[in-house]
PDB file of N, CA and C in Angstrom:
ATOM      1  N   MET A   1       0.821  -1.175   0.000  1.00  0.00           N
ATOM      2  CA  MET A   1       0.000   0.000   0.000  1.00  0.00           C
ATOM      3  C   MET A   1       0.873   1.249   0.000  1.00  0.00           C
ATOM      4  N   LEU A   2       1.947   1.251   0.775  1.00  0.00           N
ATOM      5  CA  LEU A   2       2.871   2.372   0.813  1.00  0.00           C
ATOM      6  C   LEU A   2       3.503   2.591  -0.554  1.00  0.00           C
ATOM      7  N   ALA A   3       3.853   1.514  -1.252  1.00  0.00           N
ATOM      8  CA  ALA A   3       4.453   1.624  -2.581  1.00  0.00           C
ATOM      9  C   ALA A   3       3.462   2.243  -3.558  1.00  0.00           C
ATOM     10  N   LEU A   4       2.212   1.860  -3.436  1.00  0.00           N
ATOM     11  CA  LEU A   4       1.172   2.405  -4.304  1.00  0.00           C
ATOM     12  C   LEU A   4       0.990   3.900  -4.050  1.00  0.00           C
ATOM     13  N   THR A   5       1.005   4.303  -2.809  1.00  0.00           N
ATOM     14  CA  THR A   5       0.869   5.706  -2.452  1.00  0.00           C
ATOM     15  C   THR A   5       2.059   6.500  -2.948  1.00  0.00           C
ATOM     16  N   LEU A   6       3.267   5.992  -2.780  1.00  0.00           N
ATOM     17  CA  LEU A   6       4.468   6.687  -3.235  1.00  0.00           C
ATOM     18  C   LEU A   6       4.495   6.816  -4.751  1.00  0.00           C
ATOM     19  N   SER A   7       4.070   5.769  -5.446  1.00  0.00           N
ATOM     20  CA  SER A   7       4.092   5.859  -6.906  1.00  0.00           C
ATOM     21  C   SER A   7       3.048   6.852  -7.406  1.00  0.00           C
ATOM     22  N   ALA A   8       1.939   6.995  -6.711  1.00  0.00           N
ATOM     23  CA  ALA A   8       0.912   7.957  -7.097  1.00  0.00           C
ATOM     24  C   ALA A   8       1.381   9.387  -6.878  1.00  0.00           C
ATOM     25  N   CYS A   9       2.301   9.599  -5.962  1.00  0.00           N
ATOM     26  CA  CYS A   9       2.797  10.936  -5.651  1.00  0.00           C
ATOM     27  C   CYS A   9       4.070  11.281  -6.406  1.00  0.00           C
ATOM     28  N   SER A  10       4.552  10.387  -7.213  1.00  0.00           N
ATOM     29  CA  SER A  10       5.791  10.676  -7.939  1.00  0.00           C
ATOM     30  C   SER A  10       5.545  11.772  -8.972  1.00  0.00           C
ATOM     31  N   ALA A  11       6.623  12.366  -9.428  1.00  0.00           N
ATOM     32  CA  ALA A  11       6.535  13.477 -10.381  1.00  0.00           C
ATOM     33  C   ALA A  11       5.822  13.039 -11.650  1.00  0.00           C
ATOM     34  N   ALA A  12       5.091  13.953 -12.214  1.00  0.00           N
ATOM     35  CA  ALA A  12       4.384  13.684 -13.471  1.00  0.00           C
ATOM     36  C   ALA A  12       5.403  13.463 -14.577  1.00  0.00           C
ATOM     37  N   PRO A  13       5.066  12.640 -15.549  1.00  0.00           N
ATOM     38  CA  PRO A  13       6.010  12.428 -16.649  1.00  0.00           C
ATOM     39  C   PRO A  13       6.275  13.741 -17.386  1.00  0.00           C
ATOM     40  N   GLN A  14       7.483  13.874 -17.862  1.00  0.00           N
ATOM     41  CA  GLN A  14       7.871  15.083 -18.583  1.00  0.00           C
ATOM     42  C   GLN A  14       7.153  15.118 -19.934  1.00  0.00           C
ATOM     43  N   SER A  15       6.592  16.257 -20.259  1.00  0.00           N
ATOM     44  CA  SER A  15       5.930  16.389 -21.554  1.00  0.00           C
ATOM     45  C   SER A  15       6.951  16.822 -22.596  1.00  0.00           C
ATOM     46  N   LEU A  16       6.616  16.615 -23.824  1.00  0.00           N
ATOM     47  CA  LEU A  16       7.490  17.031 -24.921  1.00  0.00           C
ATOM     48  C   LEU A  16       7.473  18.548 -25.017  1.00  0.00           C
ATOM     49  N   PRO A  17       8.568  19.140 -25.403  1.00  0.00           N
ATOM     50  CA  PRO A  17       8.578  20.605 -25.521  1.00  0.00           C
ATOM     51  C   PRO A  17       7.613  21.066 -26.614  1.00  0.00           C
ATOM     52  N   THR A  18       7.018  22.206 -26.386  1.00  0.00           N
ATOM     53  CA  THR A  18       6.104  22.789 -27.361  1.00  0.00           C
ATOM     54  C   THR A  18       6.911  23.536 -28.406  1.00  0.00           C
ATOM     55  N   VAL A  19       6.594  23.289 -29.643  1.00  0.00           N
ATOM     56  CA  VAL A  19       7.261  23.981 -30.737  1.00  0.00           C
ATOM     57  C   VAL A  19       6.316  25.060 -31.236  1.00  0.00           C
ATOM     58  N   ILE A  20       6.772  26.293 -31.227  1.00  0.00           N
ATOM     59  CA  ILE A  20       5.955  27.406 -31.703  1.00  0.00           C
ATOM     60  C   ILE A  20       6.397  27.743 -33.119  1.00  0.00           C
ATOM     61  N   VAL A  21       5.456  27.686 -34.018  1.00  0.00           N
ATOM     62  CA  VAL A  21       5.745  27.986 -35.420  1.00  0.00           C
ATOM     63  C   VAL A  21       5.116  29.332 -35.737  1.00  0.00           C
ATOM     64  N   GLU A  22       5.933  30.266 -36.151  1.00  0.00           N
ATOM     65  CA  GLU A  22       5.435  31.591 -36.513  1.00  0.00           C
ATOM     66  C   GLU A  22       4.672  31.496 -37.828  1.00  0.00           C
ATOM     67  N   PRO A  23       3.529  32.179 -37.933  1.00  0.00           N
ATOM     68  CA  PRO A  23       2.790  32.150 -39.201  1.00  0.00           C
ATOM     69  C   PRO A  23       3.596  32.828 -40.304  1.00  0.00           C
ATOM     70  N   THR A  24       3.429  32.321 -41.474  1.00  0.00           N
ATOM     71  CA  THR A  24       4.102  32.913 -42.628  1.00  0.00           C
ATOM     72  C   THR A  24       3.068  33.251 -43.683  1.00  0.00           C
ATOM     73  N   SER A  25       3.403  34.186 -44.513  1.00  0.00           N
ATOM     74  CA  SER A  25       2.522  34.532 -45.625  1.00  0.00           C
ATOM     75  C   SER A  25       2.665  33.470 -46.695  1.00  0.00           C
ATOM     76  N   PRO A  26       1.580  33.184 -47.409  1.00  0.00           N
ATOM     77  CA  PRO A  26       1.709  32.230 -48.505  1.00  0.00           C
ATOM     78  C   PRO A  26       2.645  32.800 -49.563  1.00  0.00           C
ATOM     79  N   PRO A  27       3.329  31.924 -50.270  1.00  0.00           N
ATOM     80  CA  PRO A  27       4.240  32.439 -51.297  1.00  0.00           C
ATOM     81  C   PRO A  27       3.479  33.217 -52.354  1.00  0.00           C
ATOM     82  N   ARG A  28       4.067  34.286 -52.806  1.00  0.00           N
ATOM     83  CA  ARG A  28       3.438  35.091 -53.857  1.00  0.00           C
ATOM     84  C   ARG A  28       3.617  34.374 -55.192  1.00  0.00           C
ATOM     85  N   THR A  29       2.592  34.474 -56.007  1.00  0.00           N
ATOM     86  CA  THR A  29       2.662  33.835 -57.311  1.00  0.00           C
ATOM     87  C   THR A  29       2.489  34.879 -58.397  1.00  0.00           C
ATOM     88  N   GLY A  30       2.901  34.527 -59.562  1.00  0.00           N
ATOM     89  CA  GLY A  30       2.726  35.425 -60.698  1.00  0.00           C
ATOM     90  C   GLY A  30       3.478  36.723 -60.526  1.00  0.00           C
ATOM     91  N   ASN A  31       2.897  37.767 -61.060  1.00  0.00           N
ATOM     92  CA  ASN A  31       3.555  39.071 -60.998  1.00  0.00           C
ATOM     93  C   ASN A  31       2.806  40.012 -60.063  1.00  0.00           C
ATOM     94  N   LEU A  32       2.402  39.503 -58.907  1.00  0.00           N
ATOM     95  CA  LEU A  32       1.685  40.330 -57.941  1.00  0.00           C
ATOM     96  C   LEU A  32       2.603  41.403 -57.379  1.00  0.00           C
ATOM     97  N   PRO A  33       2.067  42.578 -57.120  1.00  0.00           N
ATOM     98  CA  PRO A  33       2.880  43.645 -56.530  1.00  0.00           C
ATOM     99  C   PRO A  33       3.378  43.238 -55.145  1.00  0.00           C
ATOM    100  N   GLN A  34       4.593  43.602 -54.838  1.00  0.00           N
ATOM    101  CA  GLN A  34       5.177  43.268 -53.543  1.00  0.00           C
ATOM    102  C   GLN A  34       4.830  44.302 -52.474  1.00  0.00           C
ATOM    103  N   THR A  35       4.620  45.535 -52.878  1.00  0.00           N
ATOM    104  CA  THR A  35       4.295  46.603 -51.934  1.00  0.00           C
ATOM    105  C   THR A  35       3.141  47.424 -52.501  1.00  0.00           C
ATOM    106  N   GLU A  36       2.554  48.253 -51.653  1.00  0.00           N
ATOM    107  CA  GLU A  36       1.466  49.113 -52.119  1.00  0.00           C
ATOM    108  C   GLU A  36       1.947  50.061 -53.213  1.00  0.00           C
ATOM    109  N   ALA A  37       3.188  50.501 -53.102  1.00  0.00           N
ATOM    110  CA  ALA A  37       3.742  51.410 -54.114  1.00  0.00           C
ATOM    111  C   ALA A  37       3.842  50.739 -55.484  1.00  0.00           C
ATOM    112  N   ASP A  38       3.905  49.398 -55.505  1.00  0.00           N
ATOM    113  CA  ASP A  38       4.017  48.657 -56.767  1.00  0.00           C
ATOM    114  C   ASP A  38       2.665  48.443 -57.454  1.00  0.00           C
ATOM    115  N   VAL A  39       1.581  48.749 -56.764  1.00  0.00           N
ATOM    116  CA  VAL A  39       0.247  48.532 -57.337  1.00  0.00           C
ATOM    117  C   VAL A  39      -0.017  49.594 -58.393  1.00  0.00           C
ATOM    118  N   PRO A  40      -0.332  49.165 -59.625  1.00  0.00           N
ATOM    119  CA  PRO A  40      -0.619  50.153 -60.672  1.00  0.00           C
ATOM    120  C   PRO A  40      -1.869  50.964 -60.330  1.00  0.00           C
ATOM    121  N   ARG A  41      -1.861  52.221 -60.675  1.00  0.00           N
ATOM    122  CA  ARG A  41      -3.001  53.117 -60.440  1.00  0.00           C
ATOM    123  C   ARG A  41      -3.554  53.567 -61.786  1.00  0.00           C
ATOM    124  N   VAL A  42      -4.869  53.777 -61.829  1.00  0.00           N
ATOM    125  CA  VAL A  42      -5.506  54.285 -63.042  1.00  0.00           C
ATOM    126  C   VAL A  42      -6.392  55.459 -62.659  1.00  0.00           C
ATOM    127  N   THR A  43      -6.600  56.326 -63.601  1.00  0.00           N
ATOM    128  CA  THR A  43      -7.508  57.448 -63.372  1.00  0.00           C
ATOM    129  C   THR A  43      -8.941  56.972 -63.619  1.00  0.00           C
ATOM    130  N   VAL A  44      -9.889  57.757 -63.187  1.00  0.00           N
ATOM    131  CA  VAL A  44     -11.294  57.444 -63.429  1.00  0.00           C
ATOM    132  C   VAL A  44     -11.549  57.378 -64.932  1.00  0.00           C
ATOM    133  N   GLU A  45     -10.966  58.306 -65.672  1.00  0.00           N
ATOM    134  CA  GLU A  45     -11.153  58.338 -67.127  1.00  0.00           C
ATOM    135  C   GLU A  45     -10.598  57.069 -67.776  1.00  0.00           C
ATOM    136  N   GLN A  46      -9.413  56.626 -67.351  1.00  0.00           N
ATOM    137  CA  GLN A  46      -8.828  55.398 -67.901  1.00  0.00           C
ATOM    138  C   GLN A  46      -9.708  54.190 -67.583  1.00  0.00           C
ATOM    139  N   ALA A  47     -10.201  54.121 -66.352  1.00  0.00           N
ATOM    140  CA  ALA A  47     -11.053  53.000 -65.951  1.00  0.00           C
ATOM    141  C   ALA A  47     -12.349  52.992 -66.751  1.00  0.00           C
ATOM    142  N   LEU A  48     -12.969  54.154 -66.912  1.00  0.00           N
ATOM    143  CA  LEU A  48     -14.222  54.257 -67.651  1.00  0.00           C
ATOM    144  C   LEU A  48     -14.035  53.876 -69.115  1.00  0.00           C
ATOM    145  N   THR A  49     -12.968  54.346 -69.715  1.00  0.00           N
ATOM    146  CA  THR A  49     -12.682  54.006 -71.114  1.00  0.00           C
ATOM    147  C   THR A  49     -12.488  52.501 -71.273  1.00  0.00           C
ATOM    148  N   ALA A  50     -11.711  51.900 -70.378  1.00  0.00           N
ATOM    149  CA  ALA A  50     -11.452  50.459 -70.451  1.00  0.00           C
ATOM    150  C   ALA A  50     -12.731  49.658 -70.210  1.00  0.00           C
ATOM    151  N   LEU A  51     -13.552  50.091 -69.262  1.00  0.00           N
ATOM    152  CA  LEU A  51     -14.806  49.405 -68.972  1.00  0.00           C
ATOM    153  C   LEU A  51     -15.760  49.495 -70.159  1.00  0.00           C
ATOM    154  N   ASN A  52     -15.927  50.691 -70.709  1.00  0.00           N
ATOM    155  CA  ASN A  52     -16.849  50.890 -71.836  1.00  0.00           C
ATOM    156  C   ASN A  52     -16.418  50.157 -73.093  1.00  0.00           C
ATOM    157  N   SER A  53     -15.126  49.950 -73.267  1.00  0.00           N
ATOM    158  CA  SER A  53     -14.636  49.247 -74.456  1.00  0.00           C
ATOM    159  C   SER A  53     -14.658  47.732 -74.283  1.00  0.00           C
ATOM    160  N   GLY A  54     -14.950  47.263 -73.060  1.00  0.00           N
ATOM    161  CA  GLY A  54     -14.945  45.823 -72.805  1.00  0.00           C
ATOM    162  C   GLY A  54     -13.570  45.286 -72.472  1.00  0.00           C
ATOM    163  N   ALA A  55     -12.588  46.168 -72.365  1.00  0.00           N
ATOM    164  CA  ALA A  55     -11.221  45.738 -72.066  1.00  0.00           C
ATOM    165  C   ALA A  55     -10.999  45.503 -70.580  1.00  0.00           C
ATOM    166  N   ALA A  56     -11.975  45.889 -69.746  1.00  0.00           N
ATOM    167  CA  ALA A  56     -11.791  45.779 -68.299  1.00  0.00           C
ATOM    168  C   ALA A  56     -13.085  45.403 -67.604  1.00  0.00           C
ATOM    169  N   VAL A  57     -12.929  44.835 -66.420  1.00  0.00           N
ATOM    170  CA  VAL A  57     -14.038  44.638 -65.493  1.00  0.00           C
ATOM    171  C   VAL A  57     -13.674  45.385 -64.216  1.00  0.00           C
ATOM    172  N   ILE A  58     -14.700  45.875 -63.537  1.00  0.00           N
ATOM    173  CA  ILE A  58     -14.496  46.571 -62.273  1.00  0.00           C
ATOM    174  C   ILE A  58     -14.886  45.602 -61.161  1.00  0.00           C
ATOM    175  N   MET A  59     -13.982  45.384 -60.216  1.00  0.00           N
ATOM    176  CA  MET A  59     -14.217  44.450 -59.124  1.00  0.00           C
ATOM    177  C   MET A  59     -14.207  45.206 -57.799  1.00  0.00           C
ATOM    178  N   ASP A  60     -15.354  45.183 -57.119  1.00  0.00           N
ATOM    179  CA  ASP A  60     -15.517  45.819 -55.812  1.00  0.00           C
ATOM    180  C   ASP A  60     -15.136  44.783 -54.759  1.00  0.00           C
ATOM    181  N   VAL A  61     -14.066  45.035 -54.004  1.00  0.00           N
ATOM    182  CA  VAL A  61     -13.581  44.058 -53.027  1.00  0.00           C
ATOM    183  C   VAL A  61     -14.042  44.372 -51.600  1.00  0.00           C
ATOM    184  N   ARG A  62     -14.980  45.312 -51.468  1.00  0.00           N
ATOM    185  CA  ARG A  62     -15.526  45.627 -50.148  1.00  0.00           C
ATOM    186  C   ARG A  62     -16.496  44.530 -49.713  1.00  0.00           C
ATOM    187  N   SER A  63     -16.993  44.639 -48.494  1.00  0.00           N
ATOM    188  CA  SER A  63     -17.968  43.670 -47.990  1.00  0.00           C
ATOM    189  C   SER A  63     -19.245  43.724 -48.831  1.00  0.00           C
ATOM    190  N   THR A  64     -20.014  42.655 -48.765  1.00  0.00           N
ATOM    191  CA  THR A  64     -21.283  42.605 -49.486  1.00  0.00           C
ATOM    192  C   THR A  64     -22.207  43.731 -49.040  1.00  0.00           C
ATOM    193  N   GLU A  65     -22.209  44.014 -47.733  1.00  0.00           N
ATOM    194  CA  GLU A  65     -23.057  45.083 -47.205  1.00  0.00           C
ATOM    195  C   GLU A  65     -22.678  46.434 -47.816  1.00  0.00           C
ATOM    196  N   SER A  66     -21.383  46.699 -47.921  1.00  0.00           N
ATOM    197  CA  SER A  66     -20.929  47.960 -48.517  1.00  0.00           C
ATOM    198  C   SER A  66     -21.308  48.029 -49.989  1.00  0.00           C
ATOM    199  N   PHE A  67     -21.190  46.907 -50.686  1.00  0.00           N
ATOM    200  CA  PHE A  67     -21.548  46.857 -52.101  1.00  0.00           C
ATOM    201  C   PHE A  67     -23.029  47.178 -52.282  1.00  0.00           C
ATOM    202  N   VAL A  68     -23.878  46.561 -51.452  1.00  0.00           N
ATOM    203  CA  VAL A  68     -25.321  46.784 -51.546  1.00  0.00           C
ATOM    204  C   VAL A  68     -25.655  48.246 -51.262  1.00  0.00           C
ATOM    205  N   ALA A  69     -24.919  48.862 -50.344  1.00  0.00           N
ATOM    206  CA  ALA A  69     -25.176  50.261 -49.984  1.00  0.00           C
ATOM    207  C   ALA A  69     -24.862  51.213 -51.130  1.00  0.00           C
ATOM    208  N   GLY A  70     -24.005  50.815 -52.043  1.00  0.00           N
ATOM    209  CA  GLY A  70     -23.672  51.645 -53.198  1.00  0.00           C
ATOM    210  C   GLY A  70     -22.390  51.173 -53.845  1.00  0.00           C
ATOM    211  N   HIS A  71     -22.386  51.165 -55.170  1.00  0.00           N
ATOM    212  CA  HIS A  71     -21.202  50.704 -55.898  1.00  0.00           C
ATOM    213  C   HIS A  71     -21.177  51.306 -57.302  1.00  0.00           C
ATOM    214  N   ILE A  72     -20.055  51.146 -57.964  1.00  0.00           N
ATOM    215  CA  ILE A  72     -19.902  51.599 -59.344  1.00  0.00           C
ATOM    216  C   ILE A  72     -20.817  50.752 -60.227  1.00  0.00           C
ATOM    217  N   ALA A  73     -21.567  51.394 -61.105  1.00  0.00           N
ATOM    218  CA  ALA A  73     -22.456  50.671 -62.014  1.00  0.00           C
ATOM    219  C   ALA A  73     -21.656  49.658 -62.823  1.00  0.00           C
ATOM    220  N   GLY A  74     -22.136  48.428 -62.843  1.00  0.00           N
ATOM    221  CA  GLY A  74     -21.482  47.369 -63.602  1.00  0.00           C
ATOM    222  C   GLY A  74     -20.382  46.644 -62.845  1.00  0.00           C
ATOM    223  N   ALA A  75     -20.071  47.080 -61.632  1.00  0.00           N
ATOM    224  CA  ALA A  75     -19.005  46.434 -60.857  1.00  0.00           C
ATOM    225  C   ALA A  75     -19.450  45.059 -60.376  1.00  0.00           C
ATOM    226  N   LEU A  76     -18.485  44.155 -60.271  1.00  0.00           N
ATOM    227  CA  LEU A  76     -18.720  42.837 -59.699  1.00  0.00           C
ATOM    228  C   LEU A  76     -18.382  42.898 -58.219  1.00  0.00           C
ATOM    229  N   SER A  77     -19.168  42.232 -57.383  1.00  0.00           N
ATOM    230  CA  SER A  77     -18.877  42.180 -55.951  1.00  0.00           C
ATOM    231  C   SER A  77     -18.133  40.892 -55.642  1.00  0.00           C
ATOM    232  N   ILE A  78     -16.855  41.026 -55.316  1.00  0.00           N
ATOM    233  CA  ILE A  78     -16.039  39.890 -54.890  1.00  0.00           C
ATOM    234  C   ILE A  78     -15.263  40.359 -53.663  1.00  0.00           C
ATOM    235  N   PRO A  79     -15.832  40.144 -52.458  1.00  0.00           N
ATOM    236  CA  PRO A  79     -15.194  40.645 -51.243  1.00  0.00           C
ATOM    237  C   PRO A  79     -13.774  40.115 -51.056  1.00  0.00           C
ATOM    238  N   LEU A  80     -12.920  40.972 -50.550  1.00  0.00           N
ATOM    239  CA  LEU A  80     -11.520  40.612 -50.318  1.00  0.00           C
ATOM    240  C   LEU A  80     -11.402  39.366 -49.450  1.00  0.00           C
ATOM    241  N   ALA A  81     -12.280  39.213 -48.462  1.00  0.00           N
ATOM    242  CA  ALA A  81     -12.233  38.030 -47.595  1.00  0.00           C
ATOM    243  C   ALA A  81     -12.375  36.750 -48.417  1.00  0.00           C
ATOM    244  N   ARG A  82     -13.212  36.775 -49.440  1.00  0.00           N
ATOM    245  CA  ARG A  82     -13.379  35.600 -50.308  1.00  0.00           C
ATOM    246  C   ARG A  82     -12.114  35.350 -51.113  1.00  0.00           C
ATOM    247  N   ILE A  83     -11.526  36.409 -51.620  1.00  0.00           N
ATOM    248  CA  ILE A  83     -10.299  36.271 -52.408  1.00  0.00           C
ATOM    249  C   ILE A  83      -9.194  35.675 -51.551  1.00  0.00           C
ATOM    250  N   GLU A  84      -9.065  36.175 -50.321  1.00  0.00           N
ATOM    251  CA  GLU A  84      -8.003  35.697 -49.433  1.00  0.00           C
ATOM    252  C   GLU A  84      -8.239  34.264 -48.972  1.00  0.00           C
ATOM    253  N   SER A  85      -9.493  33.886 -48.726  1.00  0.00           N
ATOM    254  CA  SER A  85      -9.764  32.544 -48.221  1.00  0.00           C
ATOM    255  C   SER A  85      -9.824  31.489 -49.318  1.00  0.00           C
ATOM    256  N   ASN A  86     -10.202  31.890 -50.524  1.00  0.00           N
ATOM    257  CA  ASN A  86     -10.338  30.915 -51.608  1.00  0.00           C
ATOM    258  C   ASN A  86     -10.076  31.582 -52.954  1.00  0.00           C
ATOM    259  N   PRO A  87      -8.820  31.897 -53.250  1.00  0.00           N
ATOM    260  CA  PRO A  87      -8.529  32.613 -54.498  1.00  0.00           C
ATOM    261  C   PRO A  87      -8.966  31.857 -55.752  1.00  0.00           C
ATOM    262  N   ALA A  88      -9.001  30.533 -55.685  1.00  0.00           N
ATOM    263  CA  ALA A  88      -9.402  29.750 -56.859  1.00  0.00           C
ATOM    264  C   ALA A  88     -10.871  29.958 -57.205  1.00  0.00           C
ATOM    265  N   SER A  89     -11.664  30.446 -56.249  1.00  0.00           N
ATOM    266  CA  SER A  89     -13.090  30.655 -56.514  1.00  0.00           C
ATOM    267  C   SER A  89     -13.346  31.899 -57.359  1.00  0.00           C
ATOM    268  N   VAL A  90     -12.334  32.718 -57.518  1.00  0.00           N
ATOM    269  CA  VAL A  90     -12.478  33.943 -58.313  1.00  0.00           C
ATOM    270  C   VAL A  90     -12.084  33.610 -59.748  1.00  0.00           C
ATOM    271  N   THR A  91     -13.082  33.465 -60.580  1.00  0.00           N
ATOM    272  CA  THR A  91     -12.823  33.082 -61.963  1.00  0.00           C
ATOM    273  C   THR A  91     -13.196  34.236 -62.880  1.00  0.00           C
ATOM    274  N   LEU A  92     -12.235  35.080 -63.128  1.00  0.00           N
ATOM    275  CA  LEU A  92     -12.429  36.211 -64.032  1.00  0.00           C
ATOM    276  C   LEU A  92     -11.617  35.976 -65.295  1.00  0.00           C
ATOM    277  N   ASP A  93     -12.053  36.588 -66.367  1.00  0.00           N
ATOM    278  CA  ASP A  93     -11.343  36.499 -67.633  1.00  0.00           C
ATOM    279  C   ASP A  93     -10.015  37.241 -67.503  1.00  0.00           C
ATOM    280  N   LYS A  94      -8.929  36.489 -67.478  1.00  0.00           N
ATOM    281  CA  LYS A  94      -7.608  37.089 -67.268  1.00  0.00           C
ATOM    282  C   LYS A  94      -7.123  37.885 -68.485  1.00  0.00           C
ATOM    283  N   SER A  95      -7.842  37.770 -69.609  1.00  0.00           N
ATOM    284  CA  SER A  95      -7.450  38.572 -70.770  1.00  0.00           C
ATOM    285  C   SER A  95      -7.957  40.006 -70.631  1.00  0.00           C
ATOM    286  N   GLN A  96      -8.881  40.214 -69.698  1.00  0.00           N
ATOM    287  CA  GLN A  96      -9.383  41.563 -69.440  1.00  0.00           C
ATOM    288  C   GLN A  96      -8.577  42.218 -68.329  1.00  0.00           C
ATOM    289  N   TRP A  97      -8.579  43.502 -68.331  1.00  0.00           N
ATOM    290  CA  TRP A  97      -7.968  44.297 -67.291  1.00  0.00           C
ATOM    291  C   TRP A  97      -8.904  44.226 -66.088  1.00  0.00           C
ATOM    292  N   ILE A  98      -8.420  43.802 -64.940  1.00  0.00           N
ATOM    293  CA  ILE A  98      -9.244  43.690 -63.736  1.00  0.00           C
ATOM    294  C   ILE A  98      -8.906  44.874 -62.840  1.00  0.00           C
ATOM    295  N   ILE A  99      -9.861  45.785 -62.716  1.00  0.00           N
ATOM    296  CA  ILE A  99      -9.663  46.994 -61.913  1.00  0.00           C
ATOM    297  C   ILE A  99     -10.408  46.792 -60.602  1.00  0.00           C
ATOM    298  N   THR A 100      -9.679  46.815 -59.500  1.00  0.00           N
ATOM    299  CA  THR A 100     -10.308  46.636 -58.193  1.00  0.00           C
ATOM    300  C   THR A 100     -10.421  47.965 -57.472  1.00  0.00           C
ATOM    301  N   TYR A 101     -11.426  48.046 -56.607  1.00  0.00           N
ATOM    302  CA  TYR A 101     -11.519  49.217 -55.732  1.00  0.00           C
ATOM    303  C   TYR A 101     -12.088  48.786 -54.392  1.00  0.00           C
ATOM    304  N   CYS A 102     -11.760  49.578 -53.364  1.00  0.00           N
ATOM    305  CA  CYS A 102     -12.186  49.222 -52.005  1.00  0.00           C
ATOM    306  C   CYS A 102     -12.674  50.428 -51.215  1.00  0.00           C
ATOM    307  N   THR A 103     -12.874  51.563 -51.842  1.00  0.00           N
ATOM    308  CA  THR A 103     -13.393  52.729 -51.126  1.00  0.00           C
ATOM    309  C   THR A 103     -14.522  53.361 -51.910  1.00  0.00           C
TER     310      THR A 103
END
């Protein structure tokens, strides 16, 4: 009985050390801009000309609620959260100029 009591009071087994893995960004693919300064900018006139000629689509990346509250006529609603969580679900014609906006 004493042996049973002593074994029950012995030190707990040592656990394995915890390994902390820092999150990393997914690797960038294609020719995506590396910084905000690298993102191409267009004027309203350039965007309108490209949209009217069929050379571009306008993609609103704001929330669905913001899109419903008001958006550019003809814009597609594809929230940024969807793009980030499932980029393969965004199937746009890559031969067209894709103009995004978020404000």
